[in-house]
All heavy atoms as atom14 arrays in JSON, in Angstrom:
{
  "sequence": "DPRRSGGHRTLTHTWVWALLIGAGSAAIATLGDRWGVLFILFVHMVL",
  "atom14_mask": [
    [1, 1, 1, 1, 1, 1, 1, 1, 0, 0, 0, 0, 0, 0],
    [1, 1, 1, 1, 1, 1, 1, 0, 0, 0, 0, 0, 0, 0],
    [1, 1, 1, 1, 1, 1, 1, 1, 1, 1, 1, 0, 0, 0],
    [1, 1, 1, 1, 1, 1, 1, 1, 1, 1, 1, 0, 0, 0],
    [1, 1, 1, 1, 1, 1, 0, 0, 0, 0, 0, 0, 0, 0],
    [1, 1, 1, 1, 0, 0, 0, 0, 0, 0, 0, 0, 0, 0],
    [1, 1, 1, 1, 0, 0, 0, 0, 0, 0, 0, 0, 0, 0],
    [1, 1, 1, 1, 1, 1, 1, 1, 1, 1, 0, 0, 0, 0],
    [1, 1, 1, 1, 1, 1, 1, 1, 1, 1, 1, 0, 0, 0],
    [1, 1, 1, 1, 1, 1, 1, 0, 0, 0, 0, 0, 0, 0],
    [1, 1, 1, 1, 1, 1, 1, 1, 0, 0, 0, 0, 0, 0],
    [1, 1, 1, 1, 1, 1, 1, 0, 0, 0, 0, 0, 0, 0],
    [1, 1, 1, 1, 1, 1, 1, 1, 1, 1, 0, 0, 0, 0],
    [1, 1, 1, 1, 1, 1, 1, 0, 0, 0, 0, 0, 0, 0],
    [1, 1, 1, 1, 1, 1, 1, 1, 1, 1, 1, 1, 1, 1],
    [1, 1, 1, 1, 1, 1, 1, 0, 0, 0, 0, 0, 0, 0],
    [1, 1, 1, 1, 1, 1, 1, 1, 1, 1, 1, 1, 1, 1],
    [1, 1, 1, 1, 1, 0, 0, 0, 0, 0, 0, 0, 0, 0],
    [1, 1, 1, 1, 1, 1, 1, 1, 0, 0, 0, 0, 0, 0],
    [1, 1, 1, 1, 1, 1, 1, 1, 0, 0, 0, 0, 0, 0],
    [1, 1, 1, 1, 1, 1, 1, 1, 0, 0, 0, 0, 0, 0],
    [1, 1, 1, 1, 0, 0, 0, 0, 0, 0, 0, 0, 0, 0],
    [1, 1, 1, 1, 1, 0, 0, 0, 0, 0, 0, 0, 0, 0],
    [1, 1, 1, 1, 0, 0, 0, 0, 0, 0, 0, 0, 0, 0],
    [1, 1, 1, 1, 1, 1, 0, 0, 0, 0, 0, 0, 0, 0],
    [1, 1, 1, 1, 1, 0, 0, 0, 0, 0, 0, 0, 0, 0],
    [1, 1, 1, 1, 1, 0, 0, 0, 0, 0, 0, 0, 0, 0],
    [1, 1, 1, 1, 1, 1, 1, 1, 0, 0, 0, 0, 0, 0],
    [1, 1, 1, 1, 1, 0, 0, 0, 0, 0, 0, 0, 0, 0],
    [1, 1, 1, 1, 1, 1, 1, 0, 0, 0, 0, 0, 0, 0],
    [1, 1, 1, 1, 1, 1, 1, 1, 0, 0, 0, 0, 0, 0],
    [1, 1, 1, 1, 0, 0, 0, 0, 0, 0, 0, 0, 0, 0],
    [1, 1, 1, 1, 1, 1, 1, 1, 0, 0, 0, 0, 0, 0],
    [1, 1, 1, 1, 1, 1, 1, 1, 1, 1, 1, 0, 0, 0],
    [1, 1, 1, 1, 1, 1, 1, 1, 1, 1, 1, 1, 1, 1],
    [1, 1, 1, 1, 0, 0, 0, 0, 0, 0, 0, 0, 0, 0],
    [1, 1, 1, 1, 1, 1, 1, 0, 0, 0, 0, 0, 0, 0],
    [1, 1, 1, 1, 1, 1, 1, 1, 0, 0, 0, 0, 0, 0],
    [1, 1, 1, 1, 1, 1, 1, 1, 1, 1, 1, 0, 0, 0],
    [1, 1, 1, 1, 1, 1, 1, 1, 0, 0, 0, 0, 0, 0],
    [1, 1, 1, 1, 1, 1, 1, 1, 0, 0, 0, 0, 0, 0],
    [1, 1, 1, 1, 1, 1, 1, 1, 1, 1, 1, 0, 0, 0],
    [1, 1, 1, 1, 1, 1, 1, 0, 0, 0, 0, 0, 0, 0],
    [1, 1, 1, 1, 1, 1, 1, 1, 1, 1, 0, 0, 0, 0],
    [1, 1, 1, 1, 1, 1, 1, 1, 0, 0, 0, 0, 0, 0],
    [1, 1, 1, 1, 1, 1, 1, 0, 0, 0, 0, 0, 0, 0],
    [1, 1, 1, 1, 1, 1, 1, 1, 0, 0, 0, 0, 0, 0]
  ],
  "atom14_positions": [
    [[0.9, -1.13, 0.02], [0.01, -0.04, -0.01], [0.88, 1.25, -0.04], [1.8, 1.4, 0.8], [-0.87, 0.09, 1.27], [-1.97, -1.05, 1.19], [-2.62, -1.23, 0.19], [-2.15, -1.76, 2.21], [0.0, 0.0, 0.0], [0.0, 0.0, 0.0], [0.0, 0.0, 0.0], [0.0, 0.0, 0.0], [0.0, 0.0, 0.0], [0.0, 0.0, 0.0]],
    [[0.58, 2.23, -0.87], [1.45, 3.4, -0.93], [1.27, 4.3, 0.35], [0.24, 4.27, 1.03], [0.94, 4.18, -2.21], [-0.52, 3.69, -2.23], [-0.59, 2.33, -1.72], [0.0, 0.0, 0.0], [0.0, 0.0, 0.0], [0.0, 0.0, 0.0], [0.0, 0.0, 0.0], [0.0, 0.0, 0.0], [0.0, 0.0, 0.0], [0.0, 0.0, 0.0]],
    [[2.26, 5.11, 0.5], [2.25, 6.14, 1.55], [1.29, 7.26, 1.04], [1.27, 7.54, -0.08], [3.58, 6.74, 1.95], [4.55, 5.65, 2.52], [5.86, 6.31, 2.94], [6.81, 5.31, 3.51], [6.71, 4.97, 4.84], [5.85, 5.47, 5.62], [7.58, 4.03, 5.24], [0.0, 0.0, 0.0], [0.0, 0.0, 0.0], [0.0, 0.0, 0.0]],
    [[0.58, 7.85, 2.0], [-0.3, 8.95, 1.57], [-0.34, 9.98, 2.72], [0.07, 9.72, 3.83], [-1.64, 8.39, 1.33], [-2.31, 7.47, 2.24], [-3.6, 6.81, 1.65], [-4.56, 7.9, 1.34], [-5.36, 7.74, 0.37], [-5.41, 6.58, -0.41], [-6.28, 8.73, 0.03], [0.0, 0.0, 0.0], [0.0, 0.0, 0.0], [0.0, 0.0, 0.0]],
    [[-0.88, 11.09, 2.41], [-0.89, 12.23, 3.33], [-2.28, 12.57, 3.92], [-2.42, 13.41, 4.74], [-0.34, 13.56, 2.74], [-1.08, 13.91, 1.56], [0.0, 0.0, 0.0], [0.0, 0.0, 0.0], [0.0, 0.0, 0.0], [0.0, 0.0, 0.0], [0.0, 0.0, 0.0], [0.0, 0.0, 0.0], [0.0, 0.0, 0.0], [0.0, 0.0, 0.0]],
    [[-3.28, 11.87, 3.46], [-4.67, 12.14, 3.92], [-5.53, 10.84, 3.93], [-5.05, 9.8, 3.41], [0.0, 0.0, 0.0], [0.0, 0.0, 0.0], [0.0, 0.0, 0.0], [0.0, 0.0, 0.0], [0.0, 0.0, 0.0], [0.0, 0.0, 0.0], [0.0, 0.0, 0.0], [0.0, 0.0, 0.0], [0.0, 0.0, 0.0], [0.0, 0.0, 0.0]],
    [[-6.72, 11.0, 4.35], [-7.59, 9.79, 4.53], [-8.7, 9.65, 3.48], [-9.55, 8.76, 3.61], [0.0, 0.0, 0.0], [0.0, 0.0, 0.0], [0.0, 0.0, 0.0], [0.0, 0.0, 0.0], [0.0, 0.0, 0.0], [0.0, 0.0, 0.0], [0.0, 0.0, 0.0], [0.0, 0.0, 0.0], [0.0, 0.0, 0.0], [0.0, 0.0, 0.0]],
    [[-8.64, 10.5, 2.43], [-9.68, 10.42, 1.4], [-9.64, 9.01, 0.66], [-8.55, 8.62, 0.33], [-9.55, 11.54, 0.42], [-10.66, 11.6, -0.71], [-12.0, 11.41, -0.36], [-10.62, 11.62, -1.99], [-12.69, 11.45, -1.41], [-11.82, 11.6, -2.4], [0.0, 0.0, 0.0], [0.0, 0.0, 0.0], [0.0, 0.0, 0.0], [0.0, 0.0, 0.0]],
    [[-10.84, 8.52, 0.41], [-10.97, 7.2, -0.29], [-10.28, 6.08, 0.52], [-9.61, 5.22, -0.12], [-10.47, 7.26, -1.66], [-11.44, 7.97, -2.58], [-11.25, 7.52, -4.02], [-12.09, 8.33, -4.93], [-12.18, 8.1, -6.28], [-11.46, 7.22, -6.83], [-12.91, 8.86, -6.97], [0.0, 0.0, 0.0], [0.0, 0.0, 0.0], [0.0, 0.0, 0.0]],
    [[-10.43, 6.07, 1.77], [-9.95, 4.96, 2.6], [-11.12, 4.36, 3.44], [-12.0, 3.72, 2.87], [-8.72, 5.35, 3.46], [-9.11, 6.5, 4.36], [-7.54, 5.8, 2.68], [0.0, 0.0, 0.0], [0.0, 0.0, 0.0], [0.0, 0.0, 0.0], [0.0, 0.0, 0.0], [0.0, 0.0, 0.0], [0.0, 0.0, 0.0], [0.0, 0.0, 0.0]],
    [[-11.1, 4.69, 4.73], [-12.11, 3.99, 5.6], [-13.59, 4.19, 5.16], [-14.36, 3.14, 5.16], [-11.92, 4.48, 7.04], [-12.8, 3.93, 8.06], [-12.72, 2.41, 8.2], [-12.64, 4.63, 9.43], [0.0, 0.0, 0.0], [0.0, 0.0, 0.0], [0.0, 0.0, 0.0], [0.0, 0.0, 0.0], [0.0, 0.0, 0.0], [0.0, 0.0, 0.0]],
    [[-13.97, 5.4, 4.87], [-15.39, 5.61, 4.41], [-15.73, 5.04, 3.12], [-16.93, 5.1, 2.78], [-15.7, 7.11, 4.53], [-14.94, 7.78, 3.48], [-15.34, 7.73, 5.86], [0.0, 0.0, 0.0], [0.0, 0.0, 0.0], [0.0, 0.0, 0.0], [0.0, 0.0, 0.0], [0.0, 0.0, 0.0], [0.0, 0.0, 0.0], [0.0, 0.0, 0.0]],
    [[-14.75, 4.5, 2.37], [-15.02, 4.01, 1.12], [-14.89, 2.49, 1.11], [-14.35, 1.83, 0.23], [-14.12, 4.55, 0.03], [-14.48, 5.94, -0.32], [-14.35, 7.02, 0.59], [-14.89, 6.47, -1.46], [-14.68, 8.15, 0.05], [-15.02, 7.86, -1.24], [0.0, 0.0, 0.0], [0.0, 0.0, 0.0], [0.0, 0.0, 0.0], [0.0, 0.0, 0.0]],
    [[-15.41, 1.77, 2.22], [-15.32, 0.38, 2.35], [-16.64, -0.25, 2.73], [-17.61, 0.44, 3.21], [-14.3, -0.01, 3.51], [-14.78, 0.46, 4.76], [-12.93, 0.57, 3.22], [0.0, 0.0, 0.0], [0.0, 0.0, 0.0], [0.0, 0.0, 0.0], [0.0, 0.0, 0.0], [0.0, 0.0, 0.0], [0.0, 0.0, 0.0], [0.0, 0.0, 0.0]],
    [[-16.78, -1.58, 2.57], [-18.01, -2.25, 2.98], [-18.26, -2.24, 4.42], [-19.43, -2.19, 4.93], [-18.07, -3.62, 2.31], [-17.05, -4.56, 3.01], [-15.72, -4.8, 2.58], [-17.27, -5.38, 4.14], [-15.13, -5.67, 3.5], [-16.04, -6.04, 4.36], [-18.31, -5.63, 5.05], [-15.86, -6.91, 5.47], [-18.14, -6.57, 6.05], [-16.93, -7.18, 6.26]],
    [[-17.17, -2.21, 5.12], [-17.25, -2.13, 6.58], [-18.01, -0.78, 7.11], [-18.86, -0.85, 7.92], [-15.91, -2.23, 7.26], [-15.94, -2.04, 8.76], [-15.23, -3.59, 6.94], [0.0, 0.0, 0.0], [0.0, 0.0, 0.0], [0.0, 0.0, 0.0], [0.0, 0.0, 0.0], [0.0, 0.0, 0.0], [0.0, 0.0, 0.0], [0.0, 0.0, 0.0]],
    [[-17.49, 0.31, 6.49], [-18.13, 1.58, 6.8], [-19.59, 1.62, 6.5], [-20.43, 2.16, 7.23], [-17.36, 2.68, 6.2], [-17.94, 4.07, 6.42], [-18.89, 4.73, 5.69], [-17.6, 4.96, 7.46], [-19.19, 5.9, 6.23], [-18.45, 6.17, 7.27], [-16.75, 4.93, 8.6], [-18.36, 7.22, 8.22], [-16.75, 6.0, 9.39], [-17.51, 7.08, 9.29]],
    [[-19.87, 1.06, 5.35], [-21.29, 1.06, 4.84], [-22.19, 0.3, 5.88], [-23.23, 0.83, 6.19], [-21.37, 0.49, 3.5], [0.0, 0.0, 0.0], [0.0, 0.0, 0.0], [0.0, 0.0, 0.0], [0.0, 0.0, 0.0], [0.0, 0.0, 0.0], [0.0, 0.0, 0.0], [0.0, 0.0, 0.0], [0.0, 0.0, 0.0], [0.0, 0.0, 0.0]],
    [[-21.73, -0.83, 6.29], [-22.52, -1.63, 7.23], [-22.64, -0.85, 8.59], [-23.72, -0.81, 9.22], [-21.93, -2.99, 7.46], [-22.04, -3.98, 6.23], [-21.42, -5.36, 6.63], [-23.43, -4.1, 5.8], [0.0, 0.0, 0.0], [0.0, 0.0, 0.0], [0.0, 0.0, 0.0], [0.0, 0.0, 0.0], [0.0, 0.0, 0.0], [0.0, 0.0, 0.0]],
    [[-21.52, -0.26, 9.03], [-21.54, 0.44, 10.41], [-22.49, 1.66, 10.33], [-23.23, 1.79, 11.22], [-20.15, 0.88, 10.68], [-19.15, -0.27, 11.13], [-17.8, 0.33, 11.35], [-19.64, -0.94, 12.43], [0.0, 0.0, 0.0], [0.0, 0.0, 0.0], [0.0, 0.0, 0.0], [0.0, 0.0, 0.0], [0.0, 0.0, 0.0], [0.0, 0.0, 0.0]],
    [[-22.32, 2.43, 9.25], [-23.24, 3.61, 9.21], [-24.61, 3.24, 8.93], [-25.57, 3.94, 9.48], [-22.7, 4.55, 8.06], [-23.13, 5.99, 8.35], [-23.14, 4.07, 6.68], [-22.43, 6.64, 9.44], [0.0, 0.0, 0.0], [0.0, 0.0, 0.0], [0.0, 0.0, 0.0], [0.0, 0.0, 0.0], [0.0, 0.0, 0.0], [0.0, 0.0, 0.0]],
    [[-24.9, 2.12, 8.3], [-26.26, 1.7, 8.11], [-26.85, 1.24, 9.42], [-27.96, 1.46, 9.74], [0.0, 0.0, 0.0], [0.0, 0.0, 0.0], [0.0, 0.0, 0.0], [0.0, 0.0, 0.0], [0.0, 0.0, 0.0], [0.0, 0.0, 0.0], [0.0, 0.0, 0.0], [0.0, 0.0, 0.0], [0.0, 0.0, 0.0], [0.0, 0.0, 0.0]],
    [[-26.12, 0.37, 10.14], [-26.61, -0.16, 11.41], [-26.82, 0.9, 12.45], [-27.74, 1.0, 13.2], [-25.62, -1.14, 11.97], [0.0, 0.0, 0.0], [0.0, 0.0, 0.0], [0.0, 0.0, 0.0], [0.0, 0.0, 0.0], [0.0, 0.0, 0.0], [0.0, 0.0, 0.0], [0.0, 0.0, 0.0], [0.0, 0.0, 0.0], [0.0, 0.0, 0.0]],
    [[-25.89, 1.95, 12.48], [-26.0, 3.06, 13.36], [-27.23, 3.89, 13.06], [-28.01, 4.28, 13.95], [0.0, 0.0, 0.0], [0.0, 0.0, 0.0], [0.0, 0.0, 0.0], [0.0, 0.0, 0.0], [0.0, 0.0, 0.0], [0.0, 0.0, 0.0], [0.0, 0.0, 0.0], [0.0, 0.0, 0.0], [0.0, 0.0, 0.0], [0.0, 0.0, 0.0]],
    [[-27.55, 4.2, 11.77], [-28.72, 4.95, 11.42], [-30.0, 4.14, 11.74], [-31.0, 4.72, 12.17], [-28.71, 5.16, 9.85], [-27.56, 5.94, 9.55], [0.0, 0.0, 0.0], [0.0, 0.0, 0.0], [0.0, 0.0, 0.0], [0.0, 0.0, 0.0], [0.0, 0.0, 0.0], [0.0, 0.0, 0.0], [0.0, 0.0, 0.0], [0.0, 0.0, 0.0]],
    [[-30.02, 2.81, 11.53], [-31.18, 2.03, 11.87], [-31.42, 2.05, 13.36], [-32.55, 2.16, 13.83], [-30.93, 0.6, 11.44], [0.0, 0.0, 0.0], [0.0, 0.0, 0.0], [0.0, 0.0, 0.0], [0.0, 0.0, 0.0], [0.0, 0.0, 0.0], [0.0, 0.0, 0.0], [0.0, 0.0, 0.0], [0.0, 0.0, 0.0], [0.0, 0.0, 0.0]],
    [[-30.37, 2.02, 14.18], [-30.54, 2.08, 15.64], [-31.12, 3.5, 16.06], [-31.93, 3.53, 16.94], [-29.17, 1.88, 16.3], [0.0, 0.0, 0.0], [0.0, 0.0, 0.0], [0.0, 0.0, 0.0], [0.0, 0.0, 0.0], [0.0, 0.0, 0.0], [0.0, 0.0, 0.0], [0.0, 0.0, 0.0], [0.0, 0.0, 0.0], [0.0, 0.0, 0.0]],
    [[-30.63, 4.54, 15.44], [-31.14, 5.91, 15.72], [-32.59, 5.97, 15.39], [-33.44, 6.46, 16.17], [-30.38, 7.0, 14.95], [-28.94, 7.07, 15.5], [-31.04, 8.34, 15.06], [-28.01, 8.04, 14.75], [0.0, 0.0, 0.0], [0.0, 0.0, 0.0], [0.0, 0.0, 0.0], [0.0, 0.0, 0.0], [0.0, 0.0, 0.0], [0.0, 0.0, 0.0]],
    [[-33.01, 5.43, 14.18], [-34.41, 5.45, 13.77], [-35.34, 4.7, 14.65], [-36.42, 5.06, 14.98], [-34.5, 4.97, 12.41], [0.0, 0.0, 0.0], [0.0, 0.0, 0.0], [0.0, 0.0, 0.0], [0.0, 0.0, 0.0], [0.0, 0.0, 0.0], [0.0, 0.0, 0.0], [0.0, 0.0, 0.0], [0.0, 0.0, 0.0], [0.0, 0.0, 0.0]],
    [[-34.85, 3.56, 15.22], [-35.7, 2.64, 15.93], [-35.68, 3.05, 17.48], [-36.8, 3.04, 18.1], [-35.31, 1.14, 15.82], [-33.81, 1.11, 16.26], [-35.51, 0.62, 14.51], [0.0, 0.0, 0.0], [0.0, 0.0, 0.0], [0.0, 0.0, 0.0], [0.0, 0.0, 0.0], [0.0, 0.0, 0.0], [0.0, 0.0, 0.0], [0.0, 0.0, 0.0]],
    [[-34.58, 3.43, 17.94], [-34.5, 3.84, 19.42], [-34.85, 5.29, 19.67], [-35.3, 5.58, 20.74], [-33.06, 3.58, 19.95], [-32.58, 2.11, 19.78], [-31.09, 2.05, 20.31], [-33.48, 1.15, 20.61], [0.0, 0.0, 0.0], [0.0, 0.0, 0.0], [0.0, 0.0, 0.0], [0.0, 0.0, 0.0], [0.0, 0.0, 0.0], [0.0, 0.0, 0.0]],
    [[-34.71, 6.09, 18.66], [-35.1, 7.48, 18.79], [-36.53, 7.9, 18.58], [-36.82, 9.09, 18.6], [0.0, 0.0, 0.0], [0.0, 0.0, 0.0], [0.0, 0.0, 0.0], [0.0, 0.0, 0.0], [0.0, 0.0, 0.0], [0.0, 0.0, 0.0], [0.0, 0.0, 0.0], [0.0, 0.0, 0.0], [0.0, 0.0, 0.0], [0.0, 0.0, 0.0]],
    [[-37.26, 6.88, 18.17], [-38.61, 7.11, 17.93], [-38.81, 8.22, 16.76], [-38.04, 8.19, 15.89], [-39.49, 7.49, 19.17], [-39.47, 6.45, 20.15], [-39.5, 5.22, 19.76], [-39.42, 6.71, 21.43], [0.0, 0.0, 0.0], [0.0, 0.0, 0.0], [0.0, 0.0, 0.0], [0.0, 0.0, 0.0], [0.0, 0.0, 0.0], [0.0, 0.0, 0.0]],
    [[-39.82, 9.01, 16.89], [-40.13, 9.95, 15.76], [-38.94, 10.87, 15.52], [-38.64, 11.19, 14.42], [-41.43, 10.76, 16.04], [-41.72, 11.67, 14.91], [-43.13, 12.33, 15.11], [-43.44, 13.33, 14.14], [-43.93, 13.03, 12.89], [-44.08, 11.86, 12.57], [-44.17, 14.02, 12.04], [0.0, 0.0, 0.0], [0.0, 0.0, 0.0], [0.0, 0.0, 0.0]],
    [[-38.42, 11.37, 16.61], [-37.26, 12.32, 16.44], [-36.05, 11.76, 15.79], [-35.27, 12.36, 15.03], [-36.88, 13.01, 17.75], [-37.98, 13.92, 18.24], [-38.79, 13.71, 19.32], [-38.37, 15.18, 17.66], [-39.74, 14.78, 19.4], [-39.41, 15.68, 18.44], [-37.87, 15.89, 16.58], [-40.11, 16.88, 18.12], [-38.46, 17.12, 16.3], [-39.61, 17.53, 17.03]],
    [[-35.89, 10.4, 16.1], [-34.78, 9.71, 15.43], [-34.91, 9.62, 13.91], [-34.13, 9.79, 13.17], [0.0, 0.0, 0.0], [0.0, 0.0, 0.0], [0.0, 0.0, 0.0], [0.0, 0.0, 0.0], [0.0, 0.0, 0.0], [0.0, 0.0, 0.0], [0.0, 0.0, 0.0], [0.0, 0.0, 0.0], [0.0, 0.0, 0.0], [0.0, 0.0, 0.0]],
    [[-36.27, 9.27, 13.56], [-36.6, 9.16, 12.16], [-36.49, 10.51, 11.45], [-35.96, 10.61, 10.37], [-38.03, 8.6, 12.04], [-38.52, 8.68, 10.6], [-38.13, 7.21, 12.58], [0.0, 0.0, 0.0], [0.0, 0.0, 0.0], [0.0, 0.0, 0.0], [0.0, 0.0, 0.0], [0.0, 0.0, 0.0], [0.0, 0.0, 0.0], [0.0, 0.0, 0.0]],
    [[-36.94, 11.58, 12.07], [-36.76, 12.93, 11.54], [-35.38, 13.35, 11.31], [-35.03, 13.92, 10.39], [-37.5, 13.94, 12.41], [-39.05, 13.84, 12.38], [-39.65, 14.74, 13.49], [-39.61, 14.39, 11.0], [0.0, 0.0, 0.0], [0.0, 0.0, 0.0], [0.0, 0.0, 0.0], [0.0, 0.0, 0.0], [0.0, 0.0, 0.0], [0.0, 0.0, 0.0]],
    [[-34.48, 12.9, 12.28], [-33.08, 13.26, 12.14], [-32.5, 12.6, 10.91], [-31.79, 13.17, 10.15], [-32.32, 12.82, 13.36], [-30.84, 13.01, 13.32], [-30.28, 14.28, 13.45], [-30.07, 11.91, 13.15], [-28.88, 14.46, 13.29], [-28.64, 12.02, 13.03], [-28.1, 13.35, 13.06], [0.0, 0.0, 0.0], [0.0, 0.0, 0.0], [0.0, 0.0, 0.0]],
    [[-32.79, 11.3, 10.79], [-32.19, 10.56, 9.64], [-32.75, 11.1, 8.36], [-31.99, 11.34, 7.33], [-32.57, 9.0, 9.72], [-31.96, 8.4, 11.04], [-32.15, 8.28, 8.53], [-30.44, 8.49, 11.0], [0.0, 0.0, 0.0], [0.0, 0.0, 0.0], [0.0, 0.0, 0.0], [0.0, 0.0, 0.0], [0.0, 0.0, 0.0], [0.0, 0.0, 0.0]],
    [[-33.99, 11.43, 8.36], [-34.59, 11.94, 7.07], [-34.03, 13.33, 6.77], [-33.66, 13.59, 5.61], [-36.11, 12.09, 7.22], [-36.93, 10.84, 7.17], [-38.37, 11.05, 7.49], [-36.85, 10.16, 5.76], [0.0, 0.0, 0.0], [0.0, 0.0, 0.0], [0.0, 0.0, 0.0], [0.0, 0.0, 0.0], [0.0, 0.0, 0.0], [0.0, 0.0, 0.0]],
    [[-33.87, 14.23, 7.77], [-33.43, 15.52, 7.6], [-31.99, 15.57, 7.0], [-31.67, 16.22, 6.01], [-33.44, 16.34, 8.79], [-32.72, 17.74, 8.78], [-33.36, 18.67, 8.04], [-31.55, 18.0, 9.29], [-32.84, 20.01, 7.91], [-30.97, 19.17, 9.17], [-31.61, 20.26, 8.46], [0.0, 0.0, 0.0], [0.0, 0.0, 0.0], [0.0, 0.0, 0.0]],
    [[-31.12, 14.81, 7.64], [-29.73, 14.74, 7.25], [-29.67, 14.37, 5.64], [-28.92, 14.9, 4.89], [-28.9, 13.82, 8.02], [-27.53, 13.55, 7.48], [-28.74, 14.43, 9.5], [0.0, 0.0, 0.0], [0.0, 0.0, 0.0], [0.0, 0.0, 0.0], [0.0, 0.0, 0.0], [0.0, 0.0, 0.0], [0.0, 0.0, 0.0], [0.0, 0.0, 0.0]],
    [[-30.36, 13.24, 5.41], [-30.25, 12.73, 4.06], [-31.1, 13.54, 3.05], [-30.68, 13.59, 1.85], [-30.68, 11.27, 4.02], [-29.71, 10.4, 4.67], [-29.71, 10.09, 6.11], [-28.66, 9.69, 4.3], [-28.73, 9.39, 6.45], [-28.06, 9.11, 5.34], [0.0, 0.0, 0.0], [0.0, 0.0, 0.0], [0.0, 0.0, 0.0], [0.0, 0.0, 0.0]],
    [[-32.09, 14.2, 3.48], [-32.83, 15.15, 2.57], [-31.98, 16.25, 2.13], [-31.94, 16.7, 0.98], [-34.07, 15.68, 3.23], [-35.25, 14.65, 3.41], [-36.03, 14.3, 1.81], [-37.4, 13.32, 2.46], [0.0, 0.0, 0.0], [0.0, 0.0, 0.0], [0.0, 0.0, 0.0], [0.0, 0.0, 0.0], [0.0, 0.0, 0.0], [0.0, 0.0, 0.0]],
    [[-31.23, 16.85, 3.12], [-30.3, 17.87, 2.76], [-29.29, 17.47, 1.74], [-29.05, 18.13, 0.76], [-29.49, 18.42, 4.09], [-28.4, 19.38, 3.69], [-30.5, 19.12, 5.07], [0.0, 0.0, 0.0], [0.0, 0.0, 0.0], [0.0, 0.0, 0.0], [0.0, 0.0, 0.0], [0.0, 0.0, 0.0], [0.0, 0.0, 0.0], [0.0, 0.0, 0.0]],
    [[-28.68, 16.26, 1.99], [-27.69, 15.81, 1.06], [-28.35, 15.55, -0.37], [-27.66, 15.76, -1.38], [-27.06, 14.48, 1.57], [-26.2, 14.7, 2.85], [-25.74, 13.35, 3.4], [-25.07, 15.69, 2.66], [0.0, 0.0, 0.0], [0.0, 0.0, 0.0], [0.0, 0.0, 0.0], [0.0, 0.0, 0.0], [0.0, 0.0, 0.0], [0.0, 0.0, 0.0]]
  ]
}
């Protein structure tokens, strides 16, 4: 693996990150009730 000076296209560009961020979002939506759902929707609606 080459040496590099930053983290772009590394950890967040892996299947591991995808599963972790999806599981975390699902937990927020289910445990946070309506406000958790609204938070997930708002963040992704902006994007």
